[in-house]
Amino acid sequence: MKILALIPARGGSKRLPRKNILPLGGKPLIVWSIDIAKDIPEICDILVSTDDPEIAETAKEAGALVPWLRPHELATDTATSVDVALHALDWYENTHGSVDGILLLQPTSPFRTKQTIVSGIEKYITSNKKSIIGVSPVHHHPSWMLKLNKDNLLEKFIEDESNGINTRSQDLPPAFSINGSFYLTPPANIRKNKTFFGKETFPLITNNILEILDIDTEADLIMATCLIQKYVN
């Protein structure tokens, strides 16, 4: 099994400027994701895709592969993770040969564990290379969600025959949200369907509050700093 781990790290973050290299627990944020992906036999390389020279240098010093700076058109607000992944995948396979999977690890999820990555890869192997997506149980079920209609009145977000808004939580089917910490899919799927989801997608379920923390704002970074002081190491 040969899996390419990809860490996308754009330099132009808006809500938390320079977030990918901000210090957290004594090392830059992006280094957490680089370090945790090391020494996993199935991962052939840890490639960081960035348009920023400082991020690139930080990633190289941490031991990641940074063969180029990402083209400008892939570093805009409208460029998607799939666009970035396809660019990296095409370059890597043209240079180093084919891989069995591409694993996206966003750098804003610093507390995912090595065991979580290993478990996701094991599930990928035993499922005969079906897409694996990191998810977590939702705190507020979608059946309880509301939206505003054209008259500015509340109505159910999900229209169904059951009266979900008045249904007890224990009577509702489990619901999950993508937590952003783990995306693994076959190269053929992302090339054909332009998504990390496949025709059949299996969940990698995580409940741990540390692992599902996504650092996107200053408040998230403050929370991460507090959590690291109490729970990490």
C-alpha atoms as a PDB file:
ATOM      1  CA  MET A   1       0.000   0.000   0.000  1.00  0.00           C
ATOM      2  CA  LYS A   2       1.402   3.368  -1.074  1.00  0.00           C
ATOM      3  CA  ILE A   3      -0.463   6.455   0.184  1.00  0.00           C
ATOM      4  CA  LEU A   4       0.486  10.064  -0.471  1.00  0.00           C
ATOM      5  CA  ALA A   5      -0.282  12.335   2.484  1.00  0.00           C
ATOM      6  CA  LEU A   6      -1.095  15.862   1.353  1.00  0.00           C
ATOM      7  CA  ILE A   7      -1.149  18.883   3.659  1.00  0.00           C
ATOM      8  CA  PRO A   8      -2.604  21.974   1.930  1.00  0.00           C
ATOM      9  CA  ALA A   9      -1.358  25.207   3.511  1.00  0.00           C
ATOM     10  CA  ARG A  10      -2.248  28.435   1.764  1.00  0.00           C
ATOM     11  CA  GLY A  11      -0.503  31.586   2.941  1.00  0.00           C
ATOM     12  CA  GLY A  12      -3.443  33.955   2.560  1.00  0.00           C
ATOM     13  CA  SER A  13      -5.739  32.914   5.390  1.00  0.00           C
ATOM     14  CA  LYS A  14      -8.199  35.700   6.165  1.00  0.00           C
ATOM     15  CA  ARG A  15      -9.816  35.046   9.553  1.00  0.00           C
ATOM     16  CA  LEU A  16      -6.559  34.088  11.253  1.00  0.00           C
ATOM     17  CA  PRO A  17      -3.631  35.547   9.291  1.00  0.00           C
ATOM     18  CA  ARG A  18      -0.546  33.303   8.948  1.00  0.00           C
ATOM     19  CA  LYS A  19      -2.390  30.596  10.894  1.00  0.00           C
ATOM     20  CA  ASN A  20      -0.463  27.688   9.392  1.00  0.00           C
ATOM     21  CA  ILE A  21       2.796  28.788  10.996  1.00  0.00           C
ATOM     22  CA  LEU A  22       1.484  30.385  14.175  1.00  0.00           C
ATOM     23  CA  PRO A  23       3.070  28.832  17.275  1.00  0.00           C
ATOM     24  CA  LEU A  24       1.103  26.216  19.179  1.00  0.00           C
ATOM     25  CA  GLY A  25       2.646  24.288  22.023  1.00  0.00           C
ATOM     26  CA  GLY A  26       6.171  25.232  21.031  1.00  0.00           C
ATOM     27  CA  LYS A  27       5.999  24.510  17.310  1.00  0.00           C
ATOM     28  CA  PRO A  28       4.278  25.946  14.211  1.00  0.00           C
ATOM     29  CA  LEU A  29       0.722  24.763  13.653  1.00  0.00           C
ATOM     30  CA  ILE A  30       1.507  22.939  10.392  1.00  0.00           C
ATOM     31  CA  VAL A  31       4.269  20.906  12.024  1.00  0.00           C
ATOM     32  CA  TRP A  32       1.729  19.081  14.197  1.00  0.00           C
ATOM     33  CA  SER A  33       0.217  17.476  11.089  1.00  0.00           C
ATOM     34  CA  ILE A  34       3.612  16.747   9.530  1.00  0.00           C
ATOM     35  CA  ASP A  35       4.929  15.087  12.685  1.00  0.00           C
ATOM     36  CA  ILE A  36       1.880  12.879  13.261  1.00  0.00           C
ATOM     37  CA  ALA A  37       2.005  11.484   9.706  1.00  0.00           C
ATOM     38  CA  LYS A  38       5.639  10.353  10.028  1.00  0.00           C
ATOM     39  CA  ASP A  39       6.661   6.709  10.504  1.00  0.00           C
ATOM     40  CA  ILE A  40       3.421   5.259   9.166  1.00  0.00           C
ATOM     41  CA  PRO A  41       4.547   2.516   6.773  1.00  0.00           C
ATOM     42  CA  GLU A  42       1.766   3.009   4.218  1.00  0.00           C
ATOM     43  CA  ILE A  43       2.513   6.735   3.811  1.00  0.00           C
ATOM     44  CA  CYS A  44       5.142   7.081   1.097  1.00  0.00           C
ATOM     45  CA  ASP A  45       5.558  10.859   1.388  1.00  0.00           C
ATOM     46  CA  ILE A  46       4.172  13.852   3.248  1.00  0.00           C
ATOM     47  CA  LEU A  47       3.741  16.563   0.623  1.00  0.00           C
ATOM     48  CA  VAL A  48       2.943  20.140   1.628  1.00  0.00           C
ATOM     49  CA  SER A  49       1.249  22.252  -1.034  1.00  0.00           C
ATOM     50  CA  THR A  50       1.698  25.958  -0.338  1.00  0.00           C
ATOM     51  CA  ASP A  51       2.106  29.220  -2.188  1.00  0.00           C
ATOM     52  CA  ASP A  52       4.015  30.796   0.703  1.00  0.00           C
ATOM     53  CA  PRO A  53       7.853  30.648   0.942  1.00  0.00           C
ATOM     54  CA  GLU A  54       7.853  30.899   4.738  1.00  0.00           C
ATOM     55  CA  ILE A  55       5.387  28.041   5.115  1.00  0.00           C
ATOM     56  CA  ALA A  56       7.404  26.050   2.587  1.00  0.00           C
ATOM     57  CA  GLU A  57      10.627  26.545   4.552  1.00  0.00           C
ATOM     58  CA  THR A  58       8.925  25.638   7.843  1.00  0.00           C
ATOM     59  CA  ALA A  59       7.528  22.455   6.297  1.00  0.00           C
ATOM     60  CA  LYS A  60      10.874  21.461   4.792  1.00  0.00           C
ATOM     61  CA  GLU A  61      12.625  21.927   8.127  1.00  0.00           C
ATOM     62  CA  ALA A  62      10.006  19.634   9.682  1.00  0.00           C
ATOM     63  CA  GLY A  63      10.799  16.920   7.145  1.00  0.00           C
ATOM     64  CA  ALA A  64       7.980  17.337   4.611  1.00  0.00           C
ATOM     65  CA  LEU A  65       8.346  17.214   0.847  1.00  0.00           C
ATOM     66  CA  VAL A  66       7.845  20.688  -0.650  1.00  0.00           C
ATOM     67  CA  PRO A  67       8.881  20.385  -4.306  1.00  0.00           C
ATOM     68  CA  TRP A  68       7.384  23.659  -5.553  1.00  0.00           C
ATOM     69  CA  LEU A  69       5.277  26.639  -4.615  1.00  0.00           C
ATOM     70  CA  ARG A  70       1.630  26.213  -5.523  1.00  0.00           C
ATOM     71  CA  PRO A  71       0.520  28.158  -8.639  1.00  0.00           C
ATOM     72  CA  HIS A  72      -1.322  31.412  -7.956  1.00  0.00           C
ATOM     73  CA  GLU A  73      -4.607  30.156  -9.419  1.00  0.00           C
ATOM     74  CA  LEU A  74      -4.631  27.397  -6.805  1.00  0.00           C
ATOM     75  CA  ALA A  75      -4.046  29.805  -3.927  1.00  0.00           C
ATOM     76  CA  THR A  76      -7.144  31.980  -4.314  1.00  0.00           C
ATOM     77  CA  ASP A  77     -10.262  32.014  -2.137  1.00  0.00           C
ATOM     78  CA  THR A  78     -12.137  30.103  -4.844  1.00  0.00           C
ATOM     79  CA  ALA A  79      -9.624  27.283  -5.315  1.00  0.00           C
ATOM     80  CA  THR A  80     -10.891  24.053  -3.763  1.00  0.00           C
ATOM     81  CA  SER A  81      -9.127  21.311  -1.843  1.00  0.00           C
ATOM     82  CA  VAL A  82      -9.873  18.986  -4.757  1.00  0.00           C
ATOM     83  CA  ASP A  83      -8.123  21.361  -7.191  1.00  0.00           C
ATOM     84  CA  VAL A  84      -5.087  21.449  -4.910  1.00  0.00           C
ATOM     85  CA  ALA A  85      -5.117  17.677  -4.422  1.00  0.00           C
ATOM     86  CA  LEU A  86      -5.306  16.965  -8.156  1.00  0.00           C
ATOM     87  CA  HIS A  87      -2.366  19.294  -8.844  1.00  0.00           C
ATOM     88  CA  ALA A  88      -0.239  17.581  -6.186  1.00  0.00           C
ATOM     89  CA  LEU A  89      -1.347  14.072  -7.184  1.00  0.00           C
ATOM     90  CA  ASP A  90      -0.587  14.576 -10.880  1.00  0.00           C
ATOM     91  CA  TRP A  91       2.878  15.954 -10.113  1.00  0.00           C
ATOM     92  CA  TYR A  92       3.693  13.209  -7.625  1.00  0.00           C
ATOM     93  CA  GLU A  93       2.611  10.315  -9.821  1.00  0.00           C
ATOM     94  CA  ASN A  94       4.389  11.745 -12.860  1.00  0.00           C
ATOM     95  CA  THR A  95       7.564  12.079 -10.793  1.00  0.00           C
ATOM     96  CA  HIS A  96       7.480   9.182  -8.332  1.00  0.00           C
ATOM     97  CA  GLY A  97       5.055   6.669  -9.791  1.00  0.00           C
ATOM     98  CA  SER A  98       1.480   5.740  -8.993  1.00  0.00           C
ATOM     99  CA  VAL A  99      -0.011   5.675  -5.507  1.00  0.00           C
ATOM    100  CA  ASP A 100      -2.887   3.671  -4.039  1.00  0.00           C
ATOM    101  CA  GLY A 101      -4.533   6.579  -2.247  1.00  0.00           C
ATOM    102  CA  ILE A 102      -4.320  10.276  -1.506  1.00  0.00           C
ATOM    103  CA  LEU A 103      -4.775  11.298   2.120  1.00  0.00           C
ATOM    104  CA  LEU A 104      -5.623  14.929   2.839  1.00  0.00           C
ATOM    105  CA  LEU A 105      -4.674  16.156   6.315  1.00  0.00           C
ATOM    106  CA  GLN A 106      -5.670  19.745   6.913  1.00  0.00           C
ATOM    107  CA  PRO A 107      -3.088  21.594   9.037  1.00  0.00           C
ATOM    108  CA  THR A 108      -5.789  23.222  11.142  1.00  0.00           C
ATOM    109  CA  SER A 109      -6.547  19.878  12.854  1.00  0.00           C
ATOM    110  CA  PRO A 110      -3.382  19.592  14.942  1.00  0.00           C
ATOM    111  CA  PHE A 111      -4.558  17.101  17.555  1.00  0.00           C
ATOM    112  CA  ARG A 112      -5.516  14.137  15.386  1.00  0.00           C
ATOM    113  CA  THR A 113      -3.639  11.114  16.670  1.00  0.00           C
ATOM    114  CA  LYS A 114      -1.396   8.670  14.872  1.00  0.00           C
ATOM    115  CA  GLN A 115      -3.808   5.912  15.868  1.00  0.00           C
ATOM    116  CA  THR A 116      -6.646   7.723  14.092  1.00  0.00           C
ATOM    117  CA  ILE A 117      -4.600   7.938  10.892  1.00  0.00           C
ATOM    118  CA  VAL A 118      -3.581   4.287  11.166  1.00  0.00           C
ATOM    119  CA  SER A 119      -7.202   3.249  11.795  1.00  0.00           C
ATOM    120  CA  GLY A 120      -8.362   5.200   8.756  1.00  0.00           C
ATOM    121  CA  ILE A 121      -5.732   3.582   6.555  1.00  0.00           C
ATOM    122  CA  GLU A 122      -6.603   0.123   7.880  1.00  0.00           C
ATOM    123  CA  LYS A 123     -10.259   0.771   7.072  1.00  0.00           C
ATOM    124  CA  TYR A 124      -9.234   1.905   3.581  1.00  0.00           C
ATOM    125  CA  ILE A 125      -7.323  -1.335   3.030  1.00  0.00           C
ATOM    126  CA  THR A 126     -10.017  -3.669   4.389  1.00  0.00           C
ATOM    127  CA  SER A 127     -12.745  -1.855   2.405  1.00  0.00           C
ATOM    128  CA  ASN A 128     -10.835  -2.546  -0.815  1.00  0.00           C
ATOM    129  CA  LYS A 129      -9.896   1.108  -1.222  1.00  0.00           C
ATOM    130  CA  LYS A 130     -13.220   2.823  -0.655  1.00  0.00           C
ATOM    131  CA  SER A 131     -13.207   6.501   0.371  1.00  0.00           C
ATOM    132  CA  ILE A 132     -12.806   7.153   4.089  1.00  0.00           C
ATOM    133  CA  ILE A 133     -13.929  10.484   5.593  1.00  0.00           C
ATOM    134  CA  GLY A 134     -13.407  11.712   9.168  1.00  0.00           C
ATOM    135  CA  VAL A 135     -16.729  12.513  10.847  1.00  0.00           C
ATOM    136  CA  SER A 136     -18.083  13.241  14.316  1.00  0.00           C
ATOM    137  CA  PRO A 137     -21.572  12.962  15.852  1.00  0.00           C
ATOM    138  CA  VAL A 138     -23.421  16.263  15.654  1.00  0.00           C
ATOM    139  CA  HIS A 139     -24.518  18.067  18.805  1.00  0.00           C
ATOM    140  CA  HIS A 140     -27.641  19.482  17.145  1.00  0.00           C
ATOM    141  CA  HIS A 141     -29.500  17.043  14.930  1.00  0.00           C
ATOM    142  CA  PRO A 142     -30.425  18.321  11.435  1.00  0.00           C
ATOM    143  CA  SER A 143     -34.047  17.379  12.101  1.00  0.00           C
ATOM    144  CA  TRP A 144     -34.095  20.133  14.714  1.00  0.00           C
ATOM    145  CA  MET A 145     -32.625  22.770  12.389  1.00  0.00           C
ATOM    146  CA  LEU A 146     -34.665  25.757  11.216  1.00  0.00           C
ATOM    147  CA  LYS A 147     -34.365  28.285   8.398  1.00  0.00           C
ATOM    148  CA  LEU A 148     -35.971  31.564   7.442  1.00  0.00           C
ATOM    149  CA  ASN A 149     -38.366  31.552   4.509  1.00  0.00           C
ATOM    150  CA  LYS A 150     -39.022  34.432   2.097  1.00  0.00           C
ATOM    151  CA  ASP A 151     -41.396  36.008   4.643  1.00  0.00           C
ATOM    152  CA  ASN A 152     -38.703  35.910   7.330  1.00  0.00           C
ATOM    153  CA  LEU A 153     -40.599  33.232   9.211  1.00  0.00           C
ATOM    154  CA  LEU A 154     -39.110  30.085  10.701  1.00  0.00           C
ATOM    155  CA  GLU A 155     -39.644  26.758   9.010  1.00  0.00           C
ATOM    156  CA  LYS A 156     -38.064  23.324   9.230  1.00  0.00           C
ATOM    157  CA  PHE A 157     -34.721  23.090   7.456  1.00  0.00           C
ATOM    158  CA  ILE A 158     -35.437  19.500   6.444  1.00  0.00           C
ATOM    159  CA  GLU A 159     -38.900  18.859   5.095  1.00  0.00           C
ATOM    160  CA  ASP A 160     -39.972  15.332   5.885  1.00  0.00           C
ATOM    161  CA  GLU A 161     -43.124  13.481   6.772  1.00  0.00           C
ATOM    162  CA  SER A 162     -42.118  12.975  10.377  1.00  0.00           C
ATOM    163  CA  ASN A 163     -42.302  15.821  12.842  1.00  0.00           C
ATOM    164  CA  GLY A 164     -38.555  15.690  13.547  1.00  0.00           C
ATOM    165  CA  ILE A 165     -38.452  18.975  15.412  1.00  0.00           C
ATOM    166  CA  ASN A 166     -40.581  17.458  18.165  1.00  0.00           C
ATOM    167  CA  THR A 167     -38.876  14.060  18.144  1.00  0.00           C
ATOM    168  CA  ARG A 168     -36.738  13.012  21.087  1.00  0.00           C
ATOM    169  CA  SER A 169     -33.018  12.835  20.311  1.00  0.00           C
ATOM    170  CA  GLN A 170     -32.881   9.133  21.188  1.00  0.00           C
ATOM    171  CA  ASP A 171     -35.554   8.436  18.574  1.00  0.00           C
ATOM    172  CA  LEU A 172     -33.672  10.134  15.738  1.00  0.00           C
ATOM    173  CA  PRO A 173     -31.176   8.297  13.522  1.00  0.00           C
ATOM    174  CA  PRO A 174     -27.511   9.144  14.248  1.00  0.00           C
ATOM    175  CA  ALA A 175     -26.238  12.156  12.320  1.00  0.00           C
ATOM    176  CA  PHE A 176     -22.633  13.100  11.633  1.00  0.00           C
ATOM    177  CA  SER A 177     -20.704  16.094  10.367  1.00  0.00           C
ATOM    178  CA  ILE A 178     -17.368  16.137   8.559  1.00  0.00           C
ATOM    179  CA  ASN A 179     -14.703  17.138  11.067  1.00  0.00           C
ATOM    180  CA  GLY A 180     -12.000  17.928   8.494  1.00  0.00           C
ATOM    181  CA  SER A 181      -9.258  15.832  10.040  1.00  0.00           C
ATOM    182  CA  PHE A 182      -9.078  12.923   7.572  1.00  0.00           C
ATOM    183  CA  TYR A 183      -9.912  12.439   3.883  1.00  0.00           C
ATOM    184  CA  LEU A 184      -8.615   9.349   2.050  1.00  0.00           C
ATOM    185  CA  THR A 185      -9.681   8.335  -1.444  1.00  0.00           C
ATOM    186  CA  PRO A 186      -8.384   6.432  -4.480  1.00  0.00           C
ATOM    187  CA  PRO A 187      -6.727   8.566  -7.179  1.00  0.00           C
ATOM    188  CA  ALA A 188      -9.240   7.274  -9.748  1.00  0.00           C
ATOM    189  CA  ASN A 189     -12.162   8.589  -7.703  1.00  0.00           C
ATOM    190  CA  ILE A 190     -10.863  12.107  -7.199  1.00  0.00           C
ATOM    191  CA  ARG A 191      -9.873  12.357 -10.857  1.00  0.00           C
ATOM    192  CA  LYS A 192     -13.196  11.098 -12.184  1.00  0.00           C
ATOM    193  CA  ASN A 193     -15.653  12.586  -9.696  1.00  0.00           C
ATOM    194  CA  LYS A 194     -13.692  15.612  -8.435  1.00  0.00           C
ATOM    195  CA  THR A 195     -14.464  14.805  -4.810  1.00  0.00           C
ATOM    196  CA  PHE A 196     -13.055  12.941  -1.833  1.00  0.00           C
ATOM    197  CA  PHE A 197     -16.394  11.173  -1.539  1.00  0.00           C
ATOM    198  CA  GLY A 198     -16.753   7.966  -3.474  1.00  0.00           C
ATOM    199  CA  LYS A 199     -19.749   5.953  -4.629  1.00  0.00           C
ATOM    200  CA  GLU A 200     -19.306   4.149  -1.337  1.00  0.00           C
ATOM    201  CA  THR A 201     -17.795   6.196   1.484  1.00  0.00           C
ATOM    202  CA  PHE A 202     -17.007   4.808   4.920  1.00  0.00           C
ATOM    203  CA  PRO A 203     -16.844   6.903   8.109  1.00  0.00           C
ATOM    204  CA  LEU A 204     -13.871   7.319  10.393  1.00  0.00           C
ATOM    205  CA  ILE A 205     -15.819   8.310  13.507  1.00  0.00           C
ATOM    206  CA  THR A 206     -14.111  10.479  16.113  1.00  0.00           C
ATOM    207  CA  ASN A 207     -15.657  11.791  19.338  1.00  0.00           C
ATOM    208  CA  ASN A 208     -12.533  13.220  20.950  1.00  0.00           C
ATOM    209  CA  ILE A 209     -12.899  16.996  21.380  1.00  0.00           C
ATOM    210  CA  LEU A 210      -9.166  17.473  20.815  1.00  0.00           C
ATOM    211  CA  GLU A 211      -9.057  15.612  17.528  1.00  0.00           C
ATOM    212  CA  ILE A 212     -12.032  17.385  15.994  1.00  0.00           C
ATOM    213  CA  LEU A 213     -10.860  20.896  16.882  1.00  0.00           C
ATOM    214  CA  ASP A 214     -10.444  22.934  13.679  1.00  0.00           C
ATOM    215  CA  ILE A 215      -8.353  26.076  14.148  1.00  0.00           C
ATOM    216  CA  ASP A 216      -9.768  28.788  11.913  1.00  0.00           C
ATOM    217  CA  THR A 217     -10.095  31.825  14.195  1.00  0.00           C
ATOM    218  CA  GLU A 218      -8.198  33.459  17.039  1.00  0.00           C
ATOM    219  CA  ALA A 219     -10.730  32.013  19.473  1.00  0.00           C
ATOM    220  CA  ASP A 220      -9.977  28.514  18.140  1.00  0.00           C
ATOM    221  CA  LEU A 221      -6.252  29.102  18.672  1.00  0.00           C
ATOM    222  CA  ILE A 222      -6.839  30.293  22.238  1.00  0.00           C
ATOM    223  CA  MET A 223      -8.948  27.200  22.917  1.00  0.00           C
ATOM    224  CA  ALA A 224      -6.251  24.961  21.416  1.00  0.00           C
ATOM    225  CA  THR A 225      -3.619  26.591  23.616  1.00  0.00           C
ATOM    226  CA  CYS A 226      -5.737  25.987  26.717  1.00  0.00           C
ATOM    227  CA  LEU A 227      -6.452  22.389  25.723  1.00  0.00           C
ATOM    228  CA  ILE A 228      -2.833  21.629  24.991  1.00  0.00           C
ATOM    229  CA  GLN A 229      -1.798  22.878  28.424  1.00  0.00           C
ATOM    230  CA  LYS A 230      -4.301  20.582  30.097  1.00  0.00           C
ATOM    231  CA  TYR A 231      -4.540  17.458  27.950  1.00  0.00           C
ATOM    232  CA  VAL A 232      -1.684  17.100  25.457  1.00  0.00           C
ATOM    233  CA  ASN A 233       1.558  15.481  26.629  1.00  0.00           C
END
